[in-house]
Amino acid sequence: MNIGIVIKAVRNQKGLTQLDLSEHANLSVRTIQRIENNEVESTFYSLKSIGEILKIDLQEIRNENSMLYTSKILGLHLNDFKMNPEEKASLELRLEKIESHLSSIARTRSIQLRNRKILLISLGIIGGALIIIEVLAAIGAL
């Protein structure tokens, strides 16, 4: 779930600037910017602080991982619009595709992070092995 989009939309709905939100939440403006742009993973503290100010449960939104649920939080109820059944079905289908796409992005990001961890661990093991070889070679040279 793109929690940053939700934060930005609700912040704008409430007429708050990033500076306003940062001051009330005791976070830097840069942190708010990075959260809204999904450049960082929000901490529990950040979500709690921001959620209290915006009067929404961001942890629930993060856990719900549902575009339809998020659209309701943002006040975009499908029943509020005058549309024929075909338009409504089309909109619901598009929302499902967006939700699927966001889930795919989250999975890809998770895989990328896991691969980075594996690479770093591998490099650490190789580095450690090289150090051990050097130490053994030095001991053997005595």
Protein backbone atom coordinates (compact mmCIF):
# COMPACT_ATOMS: atom_id res chain seq x y z
CA MET A 1 0.00 0.00 0.00
CA ASN A 2 1.32 3.39 -0.91
CA ILE A 3 0.83 4.98 2.49
CA GLY A 4 2.54 8.17 1.31
CA ILE A 5 -0.27 8.87 -1.17
CA VAL A 6 -2.83 8.52 1.62
CA ILE A 7 -0.91 10.84 3.95
CA LYS A 8 -0.48 13.47 1.25
CA ALA A 9 -4.13 13.32 0.16
CA VAL A 10 -5.52 13.56 3.69
CA ARG A 11 -3.02 16.29 4.60
CA ASN A 12 -4.17 18.29 1.56
CA GLN A 13 -7.84 17.64 2.39
CA LYS A 14 -7.25 19.09 5.84
CA GLY A 15 -5.44 22.12 4.39
CA LEU A 16 -2.11 21.33 6.05
CA THR A 17 1.29 21.95 4.52
CA GLN A 18 4.19 19.56 4.96
CA LEU A 19 5.67 22.12 7.34
CA ASP A 20 2.46 22.19 9.43
CA LEU A 21 2.38 18.41 9.61
CA SER A 22 6.08 18.16 10.45
CA GLU A 23 5.77 20.67 13.30
CA HIS A 24 2.71 18.97 14.82
CA ALA A 25 4.20 15.47 14.43
CA ASN A 26 7.67 16.43 15.72
CA LEU A 27 9.25 15.19 12.49
CA SER A 28 11.41 17.03 10.01
CA VAL A 29 9.89 18.38 6.82
CA ARG A 30 12.32 16.17 4.89
CA THR A 31 11.00 13.11 6.74
CA ILE A 32 7.42 14.03 5.81
CA GLN A 33 8.52 14.52 2.18
CA ARG A 34 10.32 11.17 2.13
CA ILE A 35 7.33 9.38 3.68
CA GLU A 36 4.90 10.96 1.20
CA ASN A 37 7.19 9.99 -1.70
CA ASN A 38 7.67 6.49 -0.26
CA GLU A 39 11.44 6.99 -0.13
CA VAL A 40 11.54 5.56 3.39
CA GLU A 41 9.60 2.93 5.30
CA SER A 42 7.50 4.74 7.89
CA THR A 43 8.20 3.83 11.49
CA PHE A 44 5.43 2.98 13.91
CA TYR A 45 6.14 6.25 15.75
CA SER A 46 5.89 8.29 12.53
CA LEU A 47 2.63 6.64 11.47
CA LYS A 48 1.17 7.09 14.94
CA SER A 49 2.14 10.77 15.15
CA ILE A 50 0.96 11.60 11.64
CA GLY A 51 -2.23 9.55 12.07
CA GLU A 52 -3.15 11.37 15.29
CA ILE A 53 -2.81 14.73 13.57
CA LEU A 54 -4.71 13.66 10.45
CA LYS A 55 -7.25 11.73 12.58
CA ILE A 56 -6.88 8.47 10.64
CA ASP A 57 -5.45 5.08 11.58
CA LEU A 58 -2.50 4.76 9.21
CA GLN A 59 -1.44 1.43 10.72
CA GLU A 60 -4.86 0.00 9.84
CA ILE A 61 -4.56 1.36 6.31
CA ARG A 62 -1.08 -0.13 5.99
CA ASN A 63 -2.32 -3.50 7.24
CA GLU A 64 -5.55 -3.44 5.23
CA ASN A 65 -3.64 -3.07 1.94
CA SER A 66 -6.82 -2.37 0.04
CA MET A 67 -7.33 0.32 -2.59
CA LEU A 68 -11.09 0.23 -2.03
CA TYR A 69 -10.61 0.70 1.71
CA THR A 70 -8.21 3.58 1.10
CA SER A 71 -10.58 5.21 -1.35
CA LYS A 72 -13.26 5.13 1.35
CA ILE A 73 -10.89 6.78 3.84
CA LEU A 74 -10.22 9.51 1.29
CA GLY A 75 -13.96 9.99 0.81
CA LEU A 76 -14.16 8.45 -2.65
CA HIS A 77 -17.15 6.16 -2.18
CA LEU A 78 -18.19 4.50 -5.41
CA ASN A 79 -21.86 5.00 -4.53
CA ASP A 80 -21.37 8.76 -4.27
CA PHE A 81 -21.01 9.12 -8.02
CA LYS A 82 -23.79 9.08 -10.56
CA MET A 83 -22.72 6.40 -12.98
CA ASN A 84 -24.30 3.61 -14.90
CA PRO A 85 -23.51 -0.04 -14.05
CA GLU A 86 -20.92 -0.32 -16.84
CA GLU A 87 -19.02 2.75 -15.60
CA LYS A 88 -19.14 1.48 -12.04
CA ALA A 89 -17.85 -1.95 -13.10
CA SER A 90 -15.12 -0.31 -15.15
CA LEU A 91 -14.05 1.86 -12.21
CA GLU A 92 -14.04 -1.11 -9.83
CA LEU A 93 -11.94 -3.07 -12.33
CA ARG A 94 -9.47 -0.19 -12.65
CA LEU A 95 -9.21 0.07 -8.86
CA GLU A 96 -8.54 -3.67 -8.65
CA LYS A 97 -5.82 -3.34 -11.30
CA ILE A 98 -4.24 -0.43 -9.41
CA GLU A 99 -4.34 -2.43 -6.18
CA SER A 100 -2.76 -5.40 -7.95
CA HIS A 101 -0.08 -3.17 -9.45
CA LEU A 102 0.74 -1.63 -6.05
CA SER A 103 0.98 -5.11 -4.53
CA SER A 104 3.32 -6.13 -7.35
CA ILE A 105 5.51 -3.10 -6.69
CA ALA A 106 5.62 -3.96 -2.98
CA ARG A 107 6.59 -7.57 -3.76
CA THR A 108 9.31 -6.42 -6.17
CA ARG A 109 10.68 -4.01 -3.56
CA SER A 110 10.70 -6.77 -0.96
CA ILE A 111 12.59 -9.09 -3.32
CA GLN A 112 15.10 -6.33 -4.10
CA LEU A 113 15.72 -5.72 -0.40
CA ARG A 114 16.11 -9.46 0.25
CA ASN A 115 18.61 -9.75 -2.63
CA ARG A 116 20.60 -6.81 -1.26
CA LYS A 117 20.76 -8.50 2.14
CA ILE A 118 21.95 -11.74 0.54
CA LEU A 119 24.61 -9.84 -1.42
CA LEU A 120 25.84 -7.99 1.66
CA ILE A 121 25.96 -11.19 3.71
CA SER A 122 27.83 -12.94 0.89
CA LEU A 123 30.33 -10.10 0.65
CA GLY A 124 30.80 -10.23 4.42
CA ILE A 125 31.46 -13.96 4.31
CA ILE A 126 33.94 -13.56 1.45
CA GLY A 127 35.67 -10.69 3.23
CA GLY A 128 35.85 -12.71 6.44
CA ALA A 129 37.27 -15.68 4.57
CA LEU A 130 39.94 -13.48 2.96
CA ILE A 131 40.93 -12.12 6.36
CA ILE A 132 41.19 -15.65 7.76
CA ILE A 133 43.35 -16.69 4.80
CA GLU A 134 45.62 -13.68 5.34
CA VAL A 135 45.92 -14.45 9.06
CA LEU A 136 46.70 -18.11 8.36
CA ALA A 137 49.24 -17.11 5.75
CA ALA A 138 50.89 -14.73 8.21
CA ILE A 139 50.98 -17.41 10.92
CA GLY A 140 52.43 -19.89 8.44
CA ALA A 141 55.11 -17.37 7.49
CA LEU A 142 56.37 -17.15 11.10
